[in-house]
Amino acid sequence: VQLQAFGGGLVQAGGSLRLSCAVSGIILSRKAIDWYRQAPGKQRELVARVTGSGSTDYADSVKGRFVISRDNIKNTVYLQMNSLKPDDTAVYYCKIRGVPLWGQGTQVTVSS
């Protein structure tokens, strides 16, 4: 199983980015997927999750700004990030819930 997050970059505050998580080696359709982030000097935190049935949940800090979605045909999960703030600066990772595997993350930097 491999997970690859990409789509990060440098954006000004108020801007948007769309992250993708491409998964190989496992069929995602019934799996719950989480997006985490880790800012410098801070613990990794859960940002958003989507269940196999499509239910979603968000950290309070991103609720109303981020949207998680999935494309089971492409075996890919997305994180649409809007109204970005400097506090959103972090490395973002995707993870299959219950699978002890972290893929390569993608850096998001939001300038003020």
PDB file of N, CA and C in Angstrom:
ATOM      1  N   VAL A   1       0.851  -1.192   0.000  1.00  0.00           N
ATOM      2  CA  VAL A   1       0.000   0.000   0.000  1.00  0.00           C
ATOM      3  C   VAL A   1       0.884   1.239   0.000  1.00  0.00           C
ATOM      4  N   GLN A   2       0.543   2.186  -0.851  1.00  0.00           N
ATOM      5  CA  GLN A   2       1.283   3.447  -0.902  1.00  0.00           C
ATOM      6  C   GLN A   2       0.308   4.612  -0.957  1.00  0.00           C
ATOM      7  N   LEU A   3       0.665   5.679  -0.240  1.00  0.00           N
ATOM      8  CA  LEU A   3      -0.117   6.899  -0.269  1.00  0.00           C
ATOM      9  C   LEU A   3       0.796   8.048  -0.676  1.00  0.00           C
ATOM     10  N   GLN A   4       0.320   8.868  -1.547  1.00  0.00           N
ATOM     11  CA  GLN A   4       1.095  10.013  -2.015  1.00  0.00           C
ATOM     12  C   GLN A   4       0.214  11.242  -1.997  1.00  0.00           C
ATOM     13  N   ALA A   5       0.570  12.184  -1.138  1.00  0.00           N
ATOM     14  CA  ALA A   5      -0.151  13.455  -1.094  1.00  0.00           C
ATOM     15  C   ALA A   5       0.576  14.463  -1.964  1.00  0.00           C
ATOM     16  N   PHE A   6      -0.167  15.236  -2.719  1.00  0.00           N
ATOM     17  CA  PHE A   6       0.445  16.283  -3.536  1.00  0.00           C
ATOM     18  C   PHE A   6      -0.559  17.412  -3.733  1.00  0.00           C
ATOM     19  N   GLY A   7      -0.057  18.510  -4.301  1.00  0.00           N
ATOM     20  CA  GLY A   7      -0.906  19.665  -4.539  1.00  0.00           C
ATOM     21  C   GLY A   7      -0.608  20.852  -3.639  1.00  0.00           C
ATOM     22  N   GLY A   8       0.335  20.683  -2.726  1.00  0.00           N
ATOM     23  CA  GLY A   8       0.681  21.787  -1.843  1.00  0.00           C
ATOM     24  C   GLY A   8       1.439  22.881  -2.583  1.00  0.00           C
ATOM     25  N   GLY A   9       1.725  23.942  -1.853  1.00  0.00           N
ATOM     26  CA  GLY A   9       2.459  25.039  -2.449  1.00  0.00           C
ATOM     27  C   GLY A   9       2.417  26.262  -1.576  1.00  0.00           C
ATOM     28  N   LEU A  10       2.819  27.380  -2.150  1.00  0.00           N
ATOM     29  CA  LEU A  10       2.815  28.667  -1.458  1.00  0.00           C
ATOM     30  C   LEU A  10       1.629  29.478  -1.950  1.00  0.00           C
ATOM     31  N   VAL A  11       0.847  29.989  -1.008  1.00  0.00           N
ATOM     32  CA  VAL A  11      -0.337  30.751  -1.366  1.00  0.00           C
ATOM     33  C   VAL A  11      -0.493  31.895  -0.379  1.00  0.00           C
ATOM     34  N   GLN A  12      -1.098  32.972  -0.830  1.00  0.00           N
ATOM     35  CA  GLN A  12      -1.349  34.096   0.066  1.00  0.00           C
ATOM     36  C   GLN A  12      -2.576  33.820   0.931  1.00  0.00           C
ATOM     37  N   ALA A  13      -2.615  34.450   2.053  1.00  0.00           N
ATOM     38  CA  ALA A  13      -3.773  34.324   2.940  1.00  0.00           C
ATOM     39  C   ALA A  13      -5.035  34.691   2.175  1.00  0.00           C
ATOM     40  N   GLY A  14      -6.061  33.882   2.387  1.00  0.00           N
ATOM     41  CA  GLY A  14      -7.316  34.070   1.677  1.00  0.00           C
ATOM     42  C   GLY A  14      -7.427  33.249   0.412  1.00  0.00           C
ATOM     43  N   GLY A  15      -6.319  32.665  -0.004  1.00  0.00           N
ATOM     44  CA  GLY A  15      -6.304  31.868  -1.215  1.00  0.00           C
ATOM     45  C   GLY A  15      -6.779  30.438  -1.000  1.00  0.00           C
ATOM     46  N   SER A  16      -6.681  29.648  -2.057  1.00  0.00           N
ATOM     47  CA  SER A  16      -7.177  28.265  -2.019  1.00  0.00           C
ATOM     48  C   SER A  16      -6.141  27.307  -2.600  1.00  0.00           C
ATOM     49  N   LEU A  17      -6.192  26.096  -2.138  1.00  0.00           N
ATOM     50  CA  LEU A  17      -5.402  24.995  -2.687  1.00  0.00           C
ATOM     51  C   LEU A  17      -6.248  23.734  -2.655  1.00  0.00           C
ATOM     52  N   ARG A  18      -5.949  22.841  -3.558  1.00  0.00           N
ATOM     53  CA  ARG A  18      -6.611  21.540  -3.554  1.00  0.00           C
ATOM     54  C   ARG A  18      -5.550  20.458  -3.455  1.00  0.00           C
ATOM     55  N   LEU A  19      -5.595  19.712  -2.379  1.00  0.00           N
ATOM     56  CA  LEU A  19      -4.666  18.612  -2.178  1.00  0.00           C
ATOM     57  C   LEU A  19      -5.288  17.315  -2.685  1.00  0.00           C
ATOM     58  N   SER A  20      -4.436  16.449  -3.183  1.00  0.00           N
ATOM     59  CA  SER A  20      -4.876  15.128  -3.625  1.00  0.00           C
ATOM     60  C   SER A  20      -4.091  14.061  -2.875  1.00  0.00           C
ATOM     61  N   CYS A  21      -4.733  12.948  -2.651  1.00  0.00           N
ATOM     62  CA  CYS A  21      -4.081  11.800  -2.023  1.00  0.00           C
ATOM     63  C   CYS A  21      -4.332  10.597  -2.925  1.00  0.00           C
ATOM     64  N   ALA A  22      -3.300  10.197  -3.609  1.00  0.00           N
ATOM     65  CA  ALA A  22      -3.406   9.049  -4.503  1.00  0.00           C
ATOM     66  C   ALA A  22      -2.991   7.794  -3.748  1.00  0.00           C
ATOM     67  N   VAL A  23      -3.829   6.792  -3.803  1.00  0.00           N
ATOM     68  CA  VAL A  23      -3.583   5.556  -3.059  1.00  0.00           C
ATOM     69  C   VAL A  23      -3.453   4.393  -4.021  1.00  0.00           C
ATOM     70  N   SER A  24      -2.466   3.570  -3.803  1.00  0.00           N
ATOM     71  CA  SER A  24      -2.295   2.383  -4.628  1.00  0.00           C
ATOM     72  C   SER A  24      -2.103   1.164  -3.724  1.00  0.00           C
ATOM     73  N   GLY A  25      -2.456   0.005  -4.248  1.00  0.00           N
ATOM     74  CA  GLY A  25      -2.265  -1.224  -3.504  1.00  0.00           C
ATOM     75  C   GLY A  25      -3.444  -1.638  -2.659  1.00  0.00           C
ATOM     76  N   ILE A  26      -4.476  -0.827  -2.638  1.00  0.00           N
ATOM     77  CA  ILE A  26      -5.659  -1.147  -1.862  1.00  0.00           C
ATOM     78  C   ILE A  26      -6.845  -0.427  -2.494  1.00  0.00           C
ATOM     79  N   ILE A  27      -8.021  -1.046  -2.429  1.00  0.00           N
ATOM     80  CA  ILE A  27      -9.211  -0.400  -2.970  1.00  0.00           C
ATOM     81  C   ILE A  27      -9.806   0.483  -1.885  1.00  0.00           C
ATOM     82  N   LEU A  28      -9.985   1.752  -2.217  1.00  0.00           N
ATOM     83  CA  LEU A  28     -10.393   2.719  -1.221  1.00  0.00           C
ATOM     84  C   LEU A  28     -11.884   2.734  -0.907  1.00  0.00           C
ATOM     85  N   SER A  29     -12.681   2.142  -1.745  1.00  0.00           N
ATOM     86  CA  SER A  29     -14.121   2.401  -1.719  1.00  0.00           C
ATOM     87  C   SER A  29     -14.767   2.196  -0.351  1.00  0.00           C
ATOM     88  N   ARG A  30     -14.259   1.280   0.461  1.00  0.00           N
ATOM     89  CA  ARG A  30     -14.883   1.037   1.758  1.00  0.00           C
ATOM     90  C   ARG A  30     -14.028   1.525   2.926  1.00  0.00           C
ATOM     91  N   LYS A  31     -12.988   2.268   2.602  1.00  0.00           N
ATOM     92  CA  LYS A  31     -12.056   2.704   3.630  1.00  0.00           C
ATOM     93  C   LYS A  31     -12.332   4.141   4.056  1.00  0.00           C
ATOM     94  N   ALA A  32     -12.118   4.392   5.326  1.00  0.00           N
ATOM     95  CA  ALA A  32     -12.168   5.764   5.826  1.00  0.00           C
ATOM     96  C   ALA A  32     -10.784   6.386   5.664  1.00  0.00           C
ATOM     97  N   ILE A  33     -10.760   7.614   5.213  1.00  0.00           N
ATOM     98  CA  ILE A  33      -9.509   8.306   4.933  1.00  0.00           C
ATOM     99  C   ILE A  33      -9.446   9.586   5.754  1.00  0.00           C
ATOM    100  N   ASP A  34      -8.293   9.830   6.313  1.00  0.00           N
ATOM    101  CA  ASP A  34      -8.077  11.032   7.121  1.00  0.00           C
ATOM    102  C   ASP A  34      -7.004  11.908   6.486  1.00  0.00           C
ATOM    103  N   TRP A  35      -7.178  13.207   6.648  1.00  0.00           N
ATOM    104  CA  TRP A  35      -6.113  14.169   6.342  1.00  0.00           C
ATOM    105  C   TRP A  35      -5.586  14.713   7.669  1.00  0.00           C
ATOM    106  N   TYR A  36      -4.275  14.680   7.808  1.00  0.00           N
ATOM    107  CA  TYR A  36      -3.612  15.238   8.981  1.00  0.00           C
ATOM    108  C   TYR A  36      -2.691  16.363   8.526  1.00  0.00           C
ATOM    109  N   ARG A  37      -2.258  17.149   9.485  1.00  0.00           N
ATOM    110  CA  ARG A  37      -1.228  18.132   9.192  1.00  0.00           C
ATOM    111  C   ARG A  37      -0.297  18.272  10.397  1.00  0.00           C
ATOM    112  N   GLN A  38       0.917  18.693  10.096  1.00  0.00           N
ATOM    113  CA  GLN A  38       1.898  18.906  11.155  1.00  0.00           C
ATOM    114  C   GLN A  38       2.658  20.187  10.860  1.00  0.00           C
ATOM    115  N   ALA A  39       2.492  21.132  11.750  1.00  0.00           N
ATOM    116  CA  ALA A  39       3.203  22.406  11.634  1.00  0.00           C
ATOM    117  C   ALA A  39       4.533  22.293  12.382  1.00  0.00           C
ATOM    118  N   PRO A  40       5.504  23.110  12.042  1.00  0.00           N
ATOM    119  CA  PRO A  40       6.809  23.053  12.716  1.00  0.00           C
ATOM    120  C   PRO A  40       6.664  23.214  14.224  1.00  0.00           C
ATOM    121  N   GLY A  41       7.261  22.287  14.963  1.00  0.00           N
ATOM    122  CA  GLY A  41       7.230  22.354  16.411  1.00  0.00           C
ATOM    123  C   GLY A  41       5.925  21.937  17.049  1.00  0.00           C
ATOM    124  N   LYS A  42       4.995  21.442  16.256  1.00  0.00           N
ATOM    125  CA  LYS A  42       3.693  21.036  16.788  1.00  0.00           C
ATOM    126  C   LYS A  42       3.421  19.566  16.490  1.00  0.00           C
ATOM    127  N   GLN A  43       2.486  19.016  17.236  1.00  0.00           N
ATOM    128  CA  GLN A  43       2.097  17.626  17.004  1.00  0.00           C
ATOM    129  C   GLN A  43       1.225  17.523  15.759  1.00  0.00           C
ATOM    130  N   ARG A  44       1.257  16.346  15.184  1.00  0.00           N
ATOM    131  CA  ARG A  44       0.409  16.092  14.037  1.00  0.00           C
ATOM    132  C   ARG A  44      -1.045  16.114  14.495  1.00  0.00           C
ATOM    133  N   GLU A  45      -1.914  16.768  13.737  1.00  0.00           N
ATOM    134  CA  GLU A  45      -3.310  16.876  14.124  1.00  0.00           C
ATOM    135  C   GLU A  45      -4.226  16.439  12.984  1.00  0.00           C
ATOM    136  N   LEU A  46      -5.359  15.888  13.370  1.00  0.00           N
ATOM    137  CA  LEU A  46      -6.359  15.465  12.407  1.00  0.00           C
ATOM    138  C   LEU A  46      -7.107  16.686  11.894  1.00  0.00           C
ATOM    139  N   VAL A  47      -7.207  16.800  10.585  1.00  0.00           N
ATOM    140  CA  VAL A  47      -7.849  17.947   9.960  1.00  0.00           C
ATOM    141  C   VAL A  47      -9.247  17.591   9.451  1.00  0.00           C
ATOM    142  N   ALA A  48      -9.349  16.458   8.768  1.00  0.00           N
ATOM    143  CA  ALA A  48     -10.633  16.083   8.164  1.00  0.00           C
ATOM    144  C   ALA A  48     -10.644  14.586   7.934  1.00  0.00           C
ATOM    145  N   ARG A  49     -11.842  14.026   7.903  1.00  0.00           N
ATOM    146  CA  ARG A  49     -11.978  12.606   7.615  1.00  0.00           C
ATOM    147  C   ARG A  49     -13.237  12.364   6.797  1.00  0.00           C
ATOM    148  N   VAL A  50     -13.142  11.341   5.970  1.00  0.00           N
ATOM    149  CA  VAL A  50     -14.301  10.889   5.197  1.00  0.00           C
ATOM    150  C   VAL A  50     -14.409   9.393   5.349  1.00  0.00           C
ATOM    151  N   THR A  51     -15.611   8.913   5.647  1.00  0.00           N
ATOM    152  CA  THR A  51     -15.820   7.476   5.844  1.00  0.00           C
ATOM    153  C   THR A  51     -16.051   6.794   4.504  1.00  0.00           C
ATOM    154  N   GLY A  52     -16.149   5.467   4.552  1.00  0.00           N
ATOM    155  CA  GLY A  52     -16.428   4.709   3.341  1.00  0.00           C
ATOM    156  C   GLY A  52     -17.774   5.062   2.735  1.00  0.00           C
ATOM    157  N   SER A  53     -18.717   5.496   3.565  1.00  0.00           N
ATOM    158  CA  SER A  53     -20.044   5.861   3.077  1.00  0.00           C
ATOM    159  C   SER A  53     -20.134   7.323   2.657  1.00  0.00           C
ATOM    160  N   GLY A  54     -19.044   8.065   2.877  1.00  0.00           N
ATOM    161  CA  GLY A  54     -19.027   9.452   2.439  1.00  0.00           C
ATOM    162  C   GLY A  54     -19.306  10.474   3.525  1.00  0.00           C
ATOM    163  N   SER A  55     -19.531  10.042   4.740  1.00  0.00           N
ATOM    164  CA  SER A  55     -19.724  10.993   5.838  1.00  0.00           C
ATOM    165  C   SER A  55     -18.413  11.713   6.123  1.00  0.00           C
ATOM    166  N   THR A  56     -18.517  12.965   6.480  1.00  0.00           N
ATOM    167  CA  THR A  56     -17.311  13.773   6.701  1.00  0.00           C
ATOM    168  C   THR A  56     -17.323  14.417   8.079  1.00  0.00           C
ATOM    169  N   ASP A  57     -16.130  14.746   8.538  1.00  0.00           N
ATOM    170  CA  ASP A  57     -15.971  15.429   9.808  1.00  0.00           C
ATOM    171  C   ASP A  57     -14.719  16.292   9.717  1.00  0.00           C
ATOM    172  N   TYR A  58     -14.721  17.411  10.467  1.00  0.00           N
ATOM    173  CA  TYR A  58     -13.633  18.370  10.359  1.00  0.00           C
ATOM    174  C   TYR A  58     -13.199  18.876  11.725  1.00  0.00           C
ATOM    175  N   ALA A  59     -11.938  19.240  11.808  1.00  0.00           N
ATOM    176  CA  ALA A  59     -11.467  19.936  12.991  1.00  0.00           C
ATOM    177  C   ALA A  59     -12.140  21.306  13.037  1.00  0.00           C
ATOM    178  N   ASP A  60     -12.373  21.798  14.231  1.00  0.00           N
ATOM    179  CA  ASP A  60     -13.031  23.094  14.381  1.00  0.00           C
ATOM    180  C   ASP A  60     -12.267  24.199  13.655  1.00  0.00           C
ATOM    181  N   SER A  61     -10.960  24.077  13.626  1.00  0.00           N
ATOM    182  CA  SER A  61     -10.125  25.127  13.051  1.00  0.00           C
ATOM    183  C   SER A  61     -10.287  25.263  11.535  1.00  0.00           C
ATOM    184  N   VAL A  62     -10.827  24.225  10.884  1.00  0.00           N
ATOM    185  CA  VAL A  62     -10.969  24.284   9.420  1.00  0.00           C
ATOM    186  C   VAL A  62     -12.417  24.169   8.976  1.00  0.00           C
ATOM    187  N   LYS A  63     -13.302  23.962   9.899  1.00  0.00           N
ATOM    188  CA  LYS A  63     -14.713  23.776   9.555  1.00  0.00           C
ATOM    189  C   LYS A  63     -15.240  25.004   8.822  1.00  0.00           C
ATOM    190  N   GLY A  64     -15.921  24.766   7.710  1.00  0.00           N
ATOM    191  CA  GLY A  64     -16.446  25.860   6.913  1.00  0.00           C
ATOM    192  C   GLY A  64     -15.477  26.366   5.858  1.00  0.00           C
ATOM    193  N   ARG A  65     -14.225  25.942   5.942  1.00  0.00           N
ATOM    194  CA  ARG A  65     -13.215  26.383   4.969  1.00  0.00           C
ATOM    195  C   ARG A  65     -12.664  25.223   4.134  1.00  0.00           C
ATOM    196  N   PHE A  66     -12.559  24.056   4.718  1.00  0.00           N
ATOM    197  CA  PHE A  66     -12.004  22.889   4.035  1.00  0.00           C
ATOM    198  C   PHE A  66     -13.125  21.909   3.695  1.00  0.00           C
ATOM    199  N   VAL A  67     -12.945  21.233   2.572  1.00  0.00           N
ATOM    200  CA  VAL A  67     -13.901  20.206   2.158  1.00  0.00           C
ATOM    201  C   VAL A  67     -13.129  18.967   1.727  1.00  0.00           C
ATOM    202  N   ILE A  68     -13.448  17.833   2.354  1.00  0.00           N
ATOM    203  CA  ILE A  68     -12.830  16.568   1.981  1.00  0.00           C
ATOM    204  C   ILE A  68     -13.795  15.811   1.074  1.00  0.00           C
ATOM    205  N   SER A  69     -13.249  15.173   0.068  1.00  0.00           N
ATOM    206  CA  SER A  69     -14.091  14.388  -0.845  1.00  0.00           C
ATOM    207  C   SER A  69     -13.280  13.215  -1.381  1.00  0.00           C
ATOM    208  N   ARG A  70     -13.974  12.303  -2.035  1.00  0.00           N
ATOM    209  CA  ARG A  70     -13.286  11.115  -2.529  1.00  0.00           C
ATOM    210  C   ARG A  70     -13.794  10.735  -3.911  1.00  0.00           C
ATOM    211  N   ASP A  71     -12.911  10.133  -4.693  1.00  0.00           N
ATOM    212  CA  ASP A  71     -13.278   9.576  -5.988  1.00  0.00           C
ATOM    213  C   ASP A  71     -12.840   8.118  -5.965  1.00  0.00           C
ATOM    214  N   ASN A  72     -13.771   7.239  -5.712  1.00  0.00           N
ATOM    215  CA  ASN A  72     -13.433   5.822  -5.570  1.00  0.00           C
ATOM    216  C   ASN A  72     -12.960   5.201  -6.878  1.00  0.00           C
ATOM    217  N   ILE A  73     -13.376   5.761  -7.992  1.00  0.00           N
ATOM    218  CA  ILE A  73     -12.928   5.235  -9.278  1.00  0.00           C
ATOM    219  C   ILE A  73     -11.445   5.529  -9.479  1.00  0.00           C
ATOM    220  N   LYS A  74     -11.047   6.727  -9.097  1.00  0.00           N
ATOM    221  CA  LYS A  74      -9.642   7.116  -9.229  1.00  0.00           C
ATOM    222  C   LYS A  74      -8.807   6.710  -8.003  1.00  0.00           C
ATOM    223  N   ASN A  75      -9.471   6.143  -6.998  1.00  0.00           N
ATOM    224  CA  ASN A  75      -8.747   5.763  -5.772  1.00  0.00           C
ATOM    225  C   ASN A  75      -8.001   6.963  -5.182  1.00  0.00           C
ATOM    226  N   THR A  76      -8.687   8.074  -5.144  1.00  0.00           N
ATOM    227  CA  THR A  76      -8.071   9.332  -4.719  1.00  0.00           C
ATOM    228  C   THR A  76      -8.999  10.074  -3.770  1.00  0.00           C
ATOM    229  N   VAL A  77      -8.394  10.717  -2.793  1.00  0.00           N
ATOM    230  CA  VAL A  77      -9.129  11.563  -1.851  1.00  0.00           C
ATOM    231  C   VAL A  77      -8.583  12.979  -1.987  1.00  0.00           C
ATOM    232  N   TYR A  78      -9.462  13.955  -1.851  1.00  0.00           N
ATOM    233  CA  TYR A  78      -9.095  15.350  -2.045  1.00  0.00           C
ATOM    234  C   TYR A  78      -9.351  16.160  -0.772  1.00  0.00           C
ATOM    235  N   LEU A  79      -8.629  17.250  -0.673  1.00  0.00           N
ATOM    236  CA  LEU A  79      -8.893  18.214   0.386  1.00  0.00           C
ATOM    237  C   LEU A  79      -8.873  19.595  -0.257  1.00  0.00           C
ATOM    238  N   GLN A  80     -10.059  20.167  -0.426  1.00  0.00           N
ATOM    239  CA  GLN A  80     -10.174  21.518  -0.956  1.00  0.00           C
ATOM    240  C   GLN A  80     -10.046  22.485   0.217  1.00  0.00           C
ATOM    241  N   MET A  81      -9.062  23.363   0.135  1.00  0.00           N
ATOM    242  CA  MET A  81      -8.796  24.293   1.231  1.00  0.00           C
ATOM    243  C   MET A  81      -9.029  25.715   0.738  1.00  0.00           C
ATOM    244  N   ASN A  82      -9.978  26.373   1.353  1.00  0.00           N
ATOM    245  CA  ASN A  82     -10.342  27.740   0.981  1.00  0.00           C
ATOM    246  C   ASN A  82     -10.081  28.689   2.146  1.00  0.00           C
ATOM    247  N   SER A  83     -10.058  29.970   1.840  1.00  0.00           N
ATOM    248  CA  SER A  83      -9.845  31.000   2.862  1.00  0.00           C
ATOM    249  C   SER A  83      -8.661  30.648   3.752  1.00  0.00           C
ATOM    250  N   LEU A  84      -7.572  30.294   3.129  1.00  0.00           N
ATOM    251  CA  LEU A  84      -6.403  29.835   3.873  1.00  0.00           C
ATOM    252  C   LEU A  84      -5.821  30.932   4.751  1.00  0.00           C
ATOM    253  N   LYS A  85      -5.304  30.496   5.898  1.00  0.00           N
ATOM    254  CA  LYS A  85      -4.714  31.394   6.884  1.00  0.00           C
ATOM    255  C   LYS A  85      -3.252  30.990   7.115  1.00  0.00           C
ATOM    256  N   PRO A  86      -2.429  31.900   7.600  1.00  0.00           N
ATOM    257  CA  PRO A  86      -1.047  31.520   7.924  1.00  0.00           C
ATOM    258  C   PRO A  86      -0.974  30.339   8.902  1.00  0.00           C
ATOM    259  N   ASP A  87      -1.951  30.212   9.786  1.00  0.00           N
ATOM    260  CA  ASP A  87      -1.964  29.090  10.733  1.00  0.00           C
ATOM    261  C   ASP A  87      -2.193  27.736  10.053  1.00  0.00           C
ATOM    262  N   ASP A  88      -2.601  27.753   8.804  1.00  0.00           N
ATOM    263  CA  ASP A  88      -2.775  26.499   8.063  1.00  0.00           C
ATOM    264  C   ASP A  88      -1.450  25.972   7.508  1.00  0.00           C
ATOM    265  N   THR A  89      -0.398  26.744   7.656  1.00  0.00           N
ATOM    266  CA  THR A  89       0.913  26.319   7.170  1.00  0.00           C
ATOM    267  C   THR A  89       1.354  25.051   7.884  1.00  0.00           C
ATOM    268  N   ALA A  90       1.645  24.013   7.111  1.00  0.00           N
ATOM    269  CA  ALA A  90       2.010  22.716   7.677  1.00  0.00           C
ATOM    270  C   ALA A  90       2.320  21.755   6.539  1.00  0.00           C
ATOM    271  N   VAL A  91       2.835  20.598   6.922  1.00  0.00           N
ATOM    272  CA  VAL A  91       2.919  19.480   5.982  1.00  0.00           C
ATOM    273  C   VAL A  91       1.633  18.668   6.154  1.00  0.00           C
ATOM    274  N   TYR A  92       0.982  18.401   5.055  1.00  0.00           N
ATOM    275  CA  TYR A  92      -0.295  17.690   5.076  1.00  0.00           C
ATOM    276  C   TYR A  92      -0.086  16.250   4.612  1.00  0.00           C
ATOM    277  N   TYR A  93      -0.713  15.331   5.356  1.00  0.00           N
ATOM    278  CA  TYR A  93      -0.600  13.899   5.090  1.00  0.00           C
ATOM    279  C   TYR A  93      -1.984  13.283   4.984  1.00  0.00           C
ATOM    280  N   CYS A  94      -2.092  12.269   4.172  1.00  0.00           N
ATOM    281  CA  CYS A  94      -3.317  11.479   4.155  1.00  0.00           C
ATOM    282  C   CYS A  94      -3.012  10.105   4.741  1.00  0.00           C
ATOM    283  N   LYS A  95      -4.062   9.496   5.271  1.00  0.00           N
ATOM    284  CA  LYS A  95      -3.875   8.208   5.942  1.00  0.00           C
ATOM    285  C   LYS A  95      -5.148   7.393   5.851  1.00  0.00           C
ATOM    286  N   ILE A  96      -4.997   6.115   5.655  1.00  0.00           N
ATOM    287  CA  ILE A  96      -6.122   5.197   5.697  1.00  0.00           C
ATOM    288  C   ILE A  96      -6.354   4.839   7.151  1.00  0.00           C
ATOM    289  N   ARG A  97      -7.550   5.076   7.634  1.00  0.00           N
ATOM    290  CA  ARG A  97      -7.825   4.828   9.040  1.00  0.00           C
ATOM    291  C   ARG A  97      -7.654   3.347   9.365  1.00  0.00           C
ATOM    292  N   GLY A  98      -6.905   3.079  10.426  1.00  0.00           N
ATOM    293  CA  GLY A  98      -6.683   1.706  10.853  1.00  0.00           C
ATOM    294  C   GLY A  98      -5.469   1.053  10.214  1.00  0.00           C
ATOM    295  N   VAL A  99      -4.837   1.746   9.291  1.00  0.00           N
ATOM    296  CA  VAL A  99      -3.641   1.213   8.635  1.00  0.00           C
ATOM    297  C   VAL A  99      -2.439   2.028   9.116  1.00  0.00           C
ATOM    298  N   PRO A 100      -1.480   1.393   9.779  1.00  0.00           N
ATOM    299  CA  PRO A 100      -0.331   2.118  10.339  1.00  0.00           C
ATOM    300  C   PRO A 100       0.708   2.483   9.287  1.00  0.00           C
ATOM    301  N   LEU A 101       0.316   3.341   8.383  1.00  0.00           N
ATOM    302  CA  LEU A 101       1.197   3.710   7.284  1.00  0.00           C
ATOM    303  C   LEU A 101       1.015   5.190   6.975  1.00  0.00           C
ATOM    304  N   TRP A 102       2.129   5.909   6.961  1.00  0.00           N
ATOM    305  CA  TRP A 102       2.126   7.320   6.577  1.00  0.00           C
ATOM    306  C   TRP A 102       2.861   7.462   5.258  1.00  0.00           C
ATOM    307  N   GLY A 103       2.211   8.102   4.335  1.00  0.00           N
ATOM    308  CA  GLY A 103       2.873   8.384   3.074  1.00  0.00           C
ATOM    309  C   GLY A 103       3.620   9.699   3.126  1.00  0.00           C
ATOM    310  N   GLN A 104       4.179  10.055   1.996  1.00  0.00           N
ATOM    311  CA  GLN A 104       4.876  11.331   1.891  1.00  0.00           C
ATOM    312  C   GLN A 104       3.862  12.463   1.913  1.00  0.00           C
ATOM    313  N   GLY A 105       4.122  13.466   2.703  1.00  0.00           N
ATOM    314  CA  GLY A 105       3.210  14.591   2.803  1.00  0.00           C
ATOM    315  C   GLY A 105       3.491  15.646   1.760  1.00  0.00           C
ATOM    316  N   THR A 106       2.699  16.697   1.805  1.00  0.00           N
ATOM    317  CA  THR A 106       2.874  17.816   0.886  1.00  0.00           C
ATOM    318  C   THR A 106       2.857  19.114   1.691  1.00  0.00           C
ATOM    319  N   GLN A 107       3.795  19.988   1.386  1.00  0.00           N
ATOM    320  CA  GLN A 107       3.940  21.222   2.154  1.00  0.00           C
ATOM    321  C   GLN A 107       2.963  22.287   1.677  1.00  0.00           C
ATOM    322  N   VAL A 108       2.264  22.867   2.636  1.00  0.00           N
ATOM    323  CA  VAL A 108       1.386  24.012   2.369  1.00  0.00           C
ATOM    324  C   VAL A 108       1.930  25.192   3.168  1.00  0.00           C
ATOM    325  N   THR A 109       2.202  26.279   2.486  1.00  0.00           N
ATOM    326  CA  THR A 109       2.688  27.494   3.134  1.00  0.00           C
ATOM    327  C   THR A 109       1.769  28.649   2.766  1.00  0.00           C
ATOM    328  N   VAL A 110       1.234  29.292   3.796  1.00  0.00           N
ATOM    329  CA  VAL A 110       0.319  30.411   3.596  1.00  0.00           C
ATOM    330  C   VAL A 110       0.990  31.674   4.105  1.00  0.00           C
ATOM    331  N   SER A 111       1.185  32.615   3.217  1.00  0.00           N
ATOM    332  CA  SER A 111       1.845  33.867   3.597  1.00  0.00           C
ATOM    333  C   SER A 111       0.803  34.910   3.975  1.00  0.00           C
ATOM    334  N   SER A 112       1.196  35.777   4.897  1.00  0.00           N
ATOM    335  CA  SER A 112       0.250  36.804   5.360  1.00  0.00           C
ATOM    336  C   SER A 112       0.343  38.051   4.503  1.00  0.00           C
TER     337      SER A 112
END
